[in-house]
């Protein structure tokens, strides 16, 4: 299945069969959070949520709302589409 995700710079096609969308989202959040030197606890505190909720999202075990995903993208200073993009 191919998903089309709209981003600030245009649409991105995402192959949802290669990896579960939640897992891809979680891996991208983890990668971007770590690249910015943010611990899960500190990242979670920005949103008033528990660290275990962030952990669940990063593991693909939780299904965050669109609002939470947008807030994460804003905090990580990336377009929301970047959180769903496929990375090697």
PDB file of N, CA and C in Angstrom:
ATOM      1  N   UNK A   1       0.848  -1.169   0.000  1.00  0.00           N
ATOM      2  CA  UNK A   1       0.000   0.000   0.000  1.00  0.00           C
ATOM      3  C   UNK A   1       0.894   1.234   0.000  1.00  0.00           C
ATOM      4  N   UNK A   2       0.540   2.212  -0.799  1.00  0.00           N
ATOM      5  CA  UNK A   2       1.273   3.470  -0.863  1.00  0.00           C
ATOM      6  C   UNK A   2       0.421   4.553  -0.221  1.00  0.00           C
ATOM      7  N   UNK A   3       0.987   5.270   0.723  1.00  0.00           N
ATOM      8  CA  UNK A   3       0.330   6.418   1.341  1.00  0.00           C
ATOM      9  C   UNK A   3       0.937   7.674   0.755  1.00  0.00           C
ATOM     10  N   UNK A   4       0.124   8.682   0.533  1.00  0.00           N
ATOM     11  CA  UNK A   4       0.616   9.982   0.098  1.00  0.00           C
ATOM     12  C   UNK A   4       0.501  10.918   1.294  1.00  0.00           C
ATOM     13  N   UNK A   5       1.635  11.434   1.746  1.00  0.00           N
ATOM     14  CA  UNK A   5       1.682  12.316   2.908  1.00  0.00           C
ATOM     15  C   UNK A   5       2.046  13.707   2.424  1.00  0.00           C
ATOM     16  N   UNK A   6       1.240  14.678   2.805  1.00  0.00           N
ATOM     17  CA  UNK A   6       1.518  16.061   2.408  1.00  0.00           C
ATOM     18  C   UNK A   6       2.489  16.701   3.377  1.00  0.00           C
ATOM     19  N   UNK A   7       3.473  17.363   2.816  1.00  0.00           N
ATOM     20  CA  UNK A   7       4.443  18.084   3.623  1.00  0.00           C
ATOM     21  C   UNK A   7       4.540  19.515   3.164  1.00  0.00           C
ATOM     22  N   UNK A   8       5.304  20.297   3.873  1.00  0.00           N
ATOM     23  CA  UNK A   8       5.470  21.708   3.545  1.00  0.00           C
ATOM     24  C   UNK A   8       6.105  21.887   2.173  1.00  0.00           C
ATOM     25  N   UNK A   9       6.901  20.917   1.761  1.00  0.00           N
ATOM     26  CA  UNK A   9       7.600  21.031   0.480  1.00  0.00           C
ATOM     27  C   UNK A   9       6.966  20.184  -0.613  1.00  0.00           C
ATOM     28  N   UNK A  10       5.796  19.629  -0.349  1.00  0.00           N
ATOM     29  CA  UNK A  10       5.110  18.825  -1.354  1.00  0.00           C
ATOM     30  C   UNK A  10       4.690  17.481  -0.802  1.00  0.00           C
ATOM     31  N   UNK A  11       4.189  16.631  -1.667  1.00  0.00           N
ATOM     32  CA  UNK A  11       3.724  15.315  -1.259  1.00  0.00           C
ATOM     33  C   UNK A  11       4.863  14.304  -1.290  1.00  0.00           C
ATOM     34  N   UNK A  12       4.797  13.358  -0.361  1.00  0.00           N
ATOM     35  CA  UNK A  12       5.781  12.286  -0.293  1.00  0.00           C
ATOM     36  C   UNK A  12       5.016  10.968  -0.355  1.00  0.00           C
ATOM     37  N   UNK A  13       5.427  10.057  -1.221  1.00  0.00           N
ATOM     38  CA  UNK A  13       4.828   8.730  -1.287  1.00  0.00           C
ATOM     39  C   UNK A  13       5.535   7.836  -0.278  1.00  0.00           C
ATOM     40  N   UNK A  14       4.763   7.158   0.550  1.00  0.00           N
ATOM     41  CA  UNK A  14       5.316   6.300   1.588  1.00  0.00           C
ATOM     42  C   UNK A  14       4.821   4.880   1.338  1.00  0.00           C
ATOM     43  N   UNK A  15       5.739   3.922   1.217  1.00  0.00           N
ATOM     44  CA  UNK A  15       5.385   2.522   1.024  1.00  0.00           C
ATOM     45  C   UNK A  15       5.067   1.909   2.381  1.00  0.00           C
ATOM     46  N   UNK A  16       3.787   1.716   2.649  1.00  0.00           N
ATOM     47  CA  UNK A  16       3.359   1.224   3.956  1.00  0.00           C
ATOM     48  C   UNK A  16       3.532  -0.283   4.090  1.00  0.00           C
ATOM     49  N   UNK A  17       3.860  -0.995   3.016  1.00  0.00           N
ATOM     50  CA  UNK A  17       4.057  -2.435   3.128  1.00  0.00           C
ATOM     51  C   UNK A  17       5.453  -2.771   3.627  1.00  0.00           C
ATOM     52  N   UNK A  18       6.407  -1.887   3.447  1.00  0.00           N
ATOM     53  CA  UNK A  18       7.780  -2.153   3.862  1.00  0.00           C
ATOM     54  C   UNK A  18       7.910  -2.190   5.380  1.00  0.00           C
ATOM     55  N   UNK A  19       7.115  -1.436   6.053  1.00  0.00           N
ATOM     56  CA  UNK A  19       7.188  -1.375   7.508  1.00  0.00           C
ATOM     57  C   UNK A  19       5.877  -0.816   8.029  1.00  0.00           C
ATOM     58  N   UNK A  20       5.436  -1.302   9.119  1.00  0.00           N
ATOM     59  CA  UNK A  20       4.232  -0.758   9.731  1.00  0.00           C
ATOM     60  C   UNK A  20       4.397   0.744   9.928  1.00  0.00           C
ATOM     61  N   UNK A  21       3.365   1.491   9.586  1.00  0.00           N
ATOM     62  CA  UNK A  21       3.431   2.954   9.654  1.00  0.00           C
ATOM     63  C   UNK A  21       3.766   3.425  11.065  1.00  0.00           C
ATOM     64  N   UNK A  22       3.196   2.788  12.066  1.00  0.00           N
ATOM     65  CA  UNK A  22       3.489   3.205  13.448  1.00  0.00           C
ATOM     66  C   UNK A  22       4.950   2.981  13.791  1.00  0.00           C
ATOM     67  N   UNK A  23       5.519   1.880  13.329  1.00  0.00           N
ATOM     68  CA  UNK A  23       6.931   1.618  13.605  1.00  0.00           C
ATOM     69  C   UNK A  23       7.813   2.636  12.909  1.00  0.00           C
ATOM     70  N   UNK A  24       7.479   2.951  11.659  1.00  0.00           N
ATOM     71  CA  UNK A  24       8.264   3.952  10.924  1.00  0.00           C
ATOM     72  C   UNK A  24       8.179   5.303  11.632  1.00  0.00           C
ATOM     73  N   UNK A  25       6.981   5.697  12.019  1.00  0.00           N
ATOM     74  CA  UNK A  25       6.789   6.952  12.743  1.00  0.00           C
ATOM     75  C   UNK A  25       7.647   6.966  14.004  1.00  0.00           C
ATOM     76  N   UNK A  26       7.568   5.892  14.780  1.00  0.00           N
ATOM     77  CA  UNK A  26       8.329   5.811  16.021  1.00  0.00           C
ATOM     78  C   UNK A  26       9.828   5.867  15.809  1.00  0.00           C
ATOM     79  N   UNK A  27      10.311   5.149  14.807  1.00  0.00           N
ATOM     80  CA  UNK A  27      11.747   5.156  14.523  1.00  0.00           C
ATOM     81  C   UNK A  27      12.222   6.544  14.113  1.00  0.00           C
ATOM     82  N   UNK A  28      11.417   7.238  13.322  1.00  0.00           N
ATOM     83  CA  UNK A  28      11.800   8.586  12.895  1.00  0.00           C
ATOM     84  C   UNK A  28      11.787   9.564  14.063  1.00  0.00           C
ATOM     85  N   UNK A  29      10.794   9.451  14.930  1.00  0.00           N
ATOM     86  CA  UNK A  29      10.754  10.325  16.106  1.00  0.00           C
ATOM     87  C   UNK A  29      11.984  10.070  16.970  1.00  0.00           C
ATOM     88  N   UNK A  30      12.289   8.799  17.220  1.00  0.00           N
ATOM     89  CA  UNK A  30      13.461   8.454  18.041  1.00  0.00           C
ATOM     90  C   UNK A  30      14.748   8.999  17.412  1.00  0.00           C
ATOM     91  N   UNK A  31      14.908   8.778  16.106  1.00  0.00           N
ATOM     92  CA  UNK A  31      16.120   9.226  15.405  1.00  0.00           C
ATOM     93  C   UNK A  31      16.279  10.739  15.508  1.00  0.00           C
ATOM     94  N   UNK A  32      15.212  11.475  15.249  1.00  0.00           N
ATOM     95  CA  UNK A  32      15.277  12.938  15.285  1.00  0.00           C
ATOM     96  C   UNK A  32      15.464  13.465  16.708  1.00  0.00           C
ATOM     97  N   UNK A  33      14.801  12.824  17.669  1.00  0.00           N
ATOM     98  CA  UNK A  33      14.937  13.239  19.073  1.00  0.00           C
ATOM     99  C   UNK A  33      16.376  13.041  19.538  1.00  0.00           C
ATOM    100  N   UNK A  34      16.932  11.880  19.242  1.00  0.00           N
ATOM    101  CA  UNK A  34      18.316  11.595  19.644  1.00  0.00           C
ATOM    102  C   UNK A  34      19.307  12.517  18.943  1.00  0.00           C
ATOM    103  N   UNK A  35      19.056  12.814  17.672  1.00  0.00           N
ATOM    104  CA  UNK A  35      19.947  13.710  16.919  1.00  0.00           C
ATOM    105  C   UNK A  35      20.003  15.092  17.552  1.00  0.00           C
ATOM    106  N   UNK A  36      18.954  15.448  18.272  1.00  0.00           N
ATOM    107  CA  UNK A  36      18.909  16.747  18.951  1.00  0.00           C
ATOM    108  C   UNK A  36      19.351  16.646  20.411  1.00  0.00           C
ATOM    109  N   UNK A  37      19.799  15.452  20.808  1.00  0.00           N
ATOM    110  CA  UNK A  37      20.313  15.261  22.156  1.00  0.00           C
ATOM    111  C   UNK A  37      19.252  15.323  23.238  1.00  0.00           C
ATOM    112  N   UNK A  38      18.010  14.988  22.886  1.00  0.00           N
ATOM    113  CA  UNK A  38      16.919  15.049  23.857  1.00  0.00           C
ATOM    114  C   UNK A  38      16.627  13.669  24.431  1.00  0.00           C
ATOM    115  N   UNK A  39      16.616  13.567  25.744  1.00  0.00           N
ATOM    116  CA  UNK A  39      16.207  12.336  26.403  1.00  0.00           C
ATOM    117  C   UNK A  39      14.687  12.213  26.303  1.00  0.00           C
ATOM    118  N   UNK A  40      14.185  10.987  26.366  1.00  0.00           N
ATOM    119  CA  UNK A  40      12.734  10.786  26.314  1.00  0.00           C
ATOM    120  C   UNK A  40      12.019  11.597  27.385  1.00  0.00           C
ATOM    121  N   UNK A  41      12.563  11.596  28.587  1.00  0.00           N
ATOM    122  CA  UNK A  41      11.928  12.307  29.707  1.00  0.00           C
ATOM    123  C   UNK A  41      11.783  13.795  29.397  1.00  0.00           C
ATOM    124  N   UNK A  42      12.857  14.408  28.942  1.00  0.00           N
ATOM    125  CA  UNK A  42      12.827  15.841  28.633  1.00  0.00           C
ATOM    126  C   UNK A  42      11.876  16.127  27.472  1.00  0.00           C
ATOM    127  N   UNK A  43      11.905  15.272  26.458  1.00  0.00           N
ATOM    128  CA  UNK A  43      11.022  15.427  25.305  1.00  0.00           C
ATOM    129  C   UNK A  43       9.562  15.330  25.745  1.00  0.00           C
ATOM    130  N   UNK A  44       9.248  14.334  26.563  1.00  0.00           N
ATOM    131  CA  UNK A  44       7.876  14.134  27.045  1.00  0.00           C
ATOM    132  C   UNK A  44       7.388  15.317  27.873  1.00  0.00           C
ATOM    133  N   UNK A  45       8.264  15.876  28.692  1.00  0.00           N
ATOM    134  CA  UNK A  45       7.881  17.004  29.546  1.00  0.00           C
ATOM    135  C   UNK A  45       7.435  18.214  28.740  1.00  0.00           C
ATOM    136  N   UNK A  46       7.969  18.380  27.524  1.00  0.00           N
ATOM    137  CA  UNK A  46       7.563  19.495  26.670  1.00  0.00           C
ATOM    138  C   UNK A  46       6.072  19.449  26.357  1.00  0.00           C
ATOM    139  N   UNK A  47       5.503  18.247  26.381  1.00  0.00           N
ATOM    140  CA  UNK A  47       4.113  18.057  25.988  1.00  0.00           C
ATOM    141  C   UNK A  47       3.208  17.712  27.158  1.00  0.00           C
ATOM    142  N   UNK A  48       3.791  17.602  28.340  1.00  0.00           N
ATOM    143  CA  UNK A  48       2.997  17.235  29.508  1.00  0.00           C
ATOM    144  C   UNK A  48       2.499  15.802  29.438  1.00  0.00           C
ATOM    145  N   UNK A  49       3.292  14.940  28.794  1.00  0.00           N
ATOM    146  CA  UNK A  49       2.930  13.527  28.713  1.00  0.00           C
ATOM    147  C   UNK A  49       4.008  12.698  29.398  1.00  0.00           C
ATOM    148  N   UNK A  50       3.668  11.466  29.703  1.00  0.00           N
ATOM    149  CA  UNK A  50       4.591  10.580  30.397  1.00  0.00           C
ATOM    150  C   UNK A  50       5.656  10.030  29.445  1.00  0.00           C
ATOM    151  N   UNK A  51       6.846   9.821  29.967  1.00  0.00           N
ATOM    152  CA  UNK A  51       7.945   9.265  29.184  1.00  0.00           C
ATOM    153  C   UNK A  51       7.566   7.918  28.588  1.00  0.00           C
ATOM    154  N   UNK A  52       6.784   7.130  29.316  1.00  0.00           N
ATOM    155  CA  UNK A  52       6.412   5.808  28.812  1.00  0.00           C
ATOM    156  C   UNK A  52       5.512   5.899  27.579  1.00  0.00           C
ATOM    157  N   UNK A  53       4.755   6.984  27.461  1.00  0.00           N
ATOM    158  CA  UNK A  53       3.927   7.190  26.269  1.00  0.00           C
ATOM    159  C   UNK A  53       4.825   7.455  25.058  1.00  0.00           C
ATOM    160  N   UNK A  54       5.847   8.290  25.249  1.00  0.00           N
ATOM    161  CA  UNK A  54       6.813   8.549  24.172  1.00  0.00           C
ATOM    162  C   UNK A  54       7.511   7.243  23.798  1.00  0.00           C
ATOM    163  N   UNK A  55       7.905   6.464  24.791  1.00  0.00           N
ATOM    164  CA  UNK A  55       8.553   5.181  24.538  1.00  0.00           C
ATOM    165  C   UNK A  55       7.651   4.272  23.710  1.00  0.00           C
ATOM    166  N   UNK A  56       6.381   4.222  24.065  1.00  0.00           N
ATOM    167  CA  UNK A  56       5.425   3.397  23.323  1.00  0.00           C
ATOM    168  C   UNK A  56       5.274   3.836  21.879  1.00  0.00           C
ATOM    169  N   UNK A  57       5.266   5.140  21.657  1.00  0.00           N
ATOM    170  CA  UNK A  57       5.185   5.670  20.289  1.00  0.00           C
ATOM    171  C   UNK A  57       6.438   5.279  19.518  1.00  0.00           C
ATOM    172  N   UNK A  58       7.595   5.460  20.136  1.00  0.00           N
ATOM    173  CA  UNK A  58       8.862   5.151  19.465  1.00  0.00           C
ATOM    174  C   UNK A  58       9.008   3.662  19.152  1.00  0.00           C
ATOM    175  N   UNK A  59       8.383   2.806  19.941  1.00  0.00           N
ATOM    176  CA  UNK A  59       8.435   1.360  19.692  1.00  0.00           C
ATOM    177  C   UNK A  59       7.355   0.905  18.714  1.00  0.00           C
ATOM    178  N   UNK A  60       6.451   1.818  18.349  1.00  0.00           N
ATOM    179  CA  UNK A  60       5.355   1.466  17.451  1.00  0.00           C
ATOM    180  C   UNK A  60       4.210   0.774  18.158  1.00  0.00           C
ATOM    181  N   UNK A  61       4.229   0.792  19.484  1.00  0.00           N
ATOM    182  CA  UNK A  61       3.192   0.136  20.272  1.00  0.00           C
ATOM    183  C   UNK A  61       1.992   1.044  20.541  1.00  0.00           C
ATOM    184  N   UNK A  62       2.182   2.340  20.436  1.00  0.00           N
ATOM    185  CA  UNK A  62       1.102   3.306  20.678  1.00  0.00           C
ATOM    186  C   UNK A  62       0.707   3.957  19.365  1.00  0.00           C
ATOM    187  N   UNK A  63      -0.541   4.400  19.302  1.00  0.00           N
ATOM    188  CA  UNK A  63      -1.071   5.046  18.108  1.00  0.00           C
ATOM    189  C   UNK A  63      -1.408   6.490  18.470  1.00  0.00           C
ATOM    190  N   UNK A  64      -0.454   7.409  18.293  1.00  0.00           N
ATOM    191  CA  UNK A  64      -0.684   8.792  18.722  1.00  0.00           C
ATOM    192  C   UNK A  64      -1.707   9.500  17.833  1.00  0.00           C
ATOM    193  N   UNK A  65      -2.338  10.514  18.392  1.00  0.00           N
ATOM    194  CA  UNK A  65      -3.280  11.320  17.622  1.00  0.00           C
ATOM    195  C   UNK A  65      -2.518  12.189  16.627  1.00  0.00           C
ATOM    196  N   UNK A  66      -3.233  12.676  15.647  1.00  0.00           N
ATOM    197  CA  UNK A  66      -2.632  13.583  14.667  1.00  0.00           C
ATOM    198  C   UNK A  66      -2.105  14.830  15.373  1.00  0.00           C
ATOM    199  N   UNK A  67      -2.812  15.285  16.388  1.00  0.00           N
ATOM    200  CA  UNK A  67      -2.380  16.468  17.142  1.00  0.00           C
ATOM    201  C   UNK A  67      -1.025  16.232  17.795  1.00  0.00           C
ATOM    202  N   UNK A  68      -0.851  15.083  18.418  1.00  0.00           N
ATOM    203  CA  UNK A  68       0.438  14.760  19.058  1.00  0.00           C
ATOM    204  C   UNK A  68       1.535  14.663  18.007  1.00  0.00           C
ATOM    205  N   UNK A  69       1.252  14.017  16.884  1.00  0.00           N
ATOM    206  CA  UNK A  69       2.260  13.884  15.827  1.00  0.00           C
ATOM    207  C   UNK A  69       2.667  15.266  15.320  1.00  0.00           C
ATOM    208  N   UNK A  70       1.708  16.161  15.137  1.00  0.00           N
ATOM    209  CA  UNK A  70       2.024  17.514  14.675  1.00  0.00           C
ATOM    210  C   UNK A  70       2.852  18.257  15.715  1.00  0.00           C
ATOM    211  N   UNK A  71       2.522  18.093  16.988  1.00  0.00           N
ATOM    212  CA  UNK A  71       3.293  18.751  18.051  1.00  0.00           C
ATOM    213  C   UNK A  71       4.723  18.216  18.094  1.00  0.00           C
ATOM    214  N   UNK A  72       4.892  16.911  17.891  1.00  0.00           N
ATOM    215  CA  UNK A  72       6.234  16.334  17.842  1.00  0.00           C
ATOM    216  C   UNK A  72       7.010  16.915  16.666  1.00  0.00           C
ATOM    217  N   UNK A  73       6.374  16.980  15.496  1.00  0.00           N
ATOM    218  CA  UNK A  73       7.038  17.536  14.311  1.00  0.00           C
ATOM    219  C   UNK A  73       7.464  18.976  14.562  1.00  0.00           C
ATOM    220  N   UNK A  74       6.583  19.760  15.172  1.00  0.00           N
ATOM    221  CA  UNK A  74       6.919  21.154  15.481  1.00  0.00           C
ATOM    222  C   UNK A  74       8.111  21.230  16.428  1.00  0.00           C
ATOM    223  N   UNK A  75       8.109  20.398  17.470  1.00  0.00           N
ATOM    224  CA  UNK A  75       9.195  20.411  18.451  1.00  0.00           C
ATOM    225  C   UNK A  75      10.518  19.958  17.829  1.00  0.00           C
ATOM    226  N   UNK A  76      10.436  19.042  16.881  1.00  0.00           N
ATOM    227  CA  UNK A  76      11.639  18.537  16.214  1.00  0.00           C
ATOM    228  C   UNK A  76      12.032  19.393  15.015  1.00  0.00           C
ATOM    229  N   UNK A  77      11.222  20.405  14.742  1.00  0.00           N
ATOM    230  CA  UNK A  77      11.463  21.372  13.661  1.00  0.00           C
ATOM    231  C   UNK A  77      11.580  20.694  12.301  1.00  0.00           C
ATOM    232  N   UNK A  78      10.639  19.789  12.026  1.00  0.00           N
ATOM    233  CA  UNK A  78      10.569  19.118  10.728  1.00  0.00           C
ATOM    234  C   UNK A  78       9.120  19.133  10.257  1.00  0.00           C
ATOM    235  N   UNK A  79       8.909  19.043   8.937  1.00  0.00           N
ATOM    236  CA  UNK A  79       7.540  18.898   8.448  1.00  0.00           C
ATOM    237  C   UNK A  79       6.974  17.556   8.918  1.00  0.00           C
ATOM    238  N   UNK A  80       5.693  17.493   9.139  1.00  0.00           N
ATOM    239  CA  UNK A  80       5.069  16.258   9.624  1.00  0.00           C
ATOM    240  C   UNK A  80       5.368  15.078   8.697  1.00  0.00           C
ATOM    241  N   UNK A  81       5.465  15.337   7.403  1.00  0.00           N
ATOM    242  CA  UNK A  81       5.760  14.267   6.439  1.00  0.00           C
ATOM    243  C   UNK A  81       7.095  13.592   6.732  1.00  0.00           C
ATOM    244  N   UNK A  82       8.041  14.331   7.286  1.00  0.00           N
ATOM    245  CA  UNK A  82       9.360  13.763   7.616  1.00  0.00           C
ATOM    246  C   UNK A  82       9.232  12.644   8.647  1.00  0.00           C
ATOM    247  N   UNK A  83       8.229  12.725   9.506  1.00  0.00           N
ATOM    248  CA  UNK A  83       8.045  11.697  10.524  1.00  0.00           C
ATOM    249  C   UNK A  83       7.554  10.380   9.925  1.00  0.00           C
ATOM    250  N   UNK A  84       7.001  10.433   8.714  1.00  0.00           N
ATOM    251  CA  UNK A  84       6.496   9.234   8.047  1.00  0.00           C
ATOM    252  C   UNK A  84       7.393   8.767   6.905  1.00  0.00           C
ATOM    253  N   UNK A  85       8.445   9.516   6.625  1.00  0.00           N
ATOM    254  CA  UNK A  85       9.319   9.207   5.489  1.00  0.00           C
ATOM    255  C   UNK A  85      10.148   7.958   5.761  1.00  0.00           C
ATOM    256  N   UNK A  86      10.478   7.253   4.688  1.00  0.00           N
ATOM    257  CA  UNK A  86      11.301   6.055   4.798  1.00  0.00           C
ATOM    258  C   UNK A  86      12.771   6.447   4.784  1.00  0.00           C
ATOM    259  N   UNK A  87      13.513   5.953   5.770  1.00  0.00           N
ATOM    260  CA  UNK A  87      14.955   6.208   5.863  1.00  0.00           C
ATOM    261  C   UNK A  87      15.672   4.879   5.966  1.00  0.00           C
ATOM    262  N   UNK A  88      16.846   4.827   5.416  1.00  0.00           N
ATOM    263  CA  UNK A  88      17.663   3.600   5.480  1.00  0.00           C
ATOM    264  C   UNK A  88      18.389   3.542   6.786  1.00  0.00           C
TER     265      UNK A  88
END
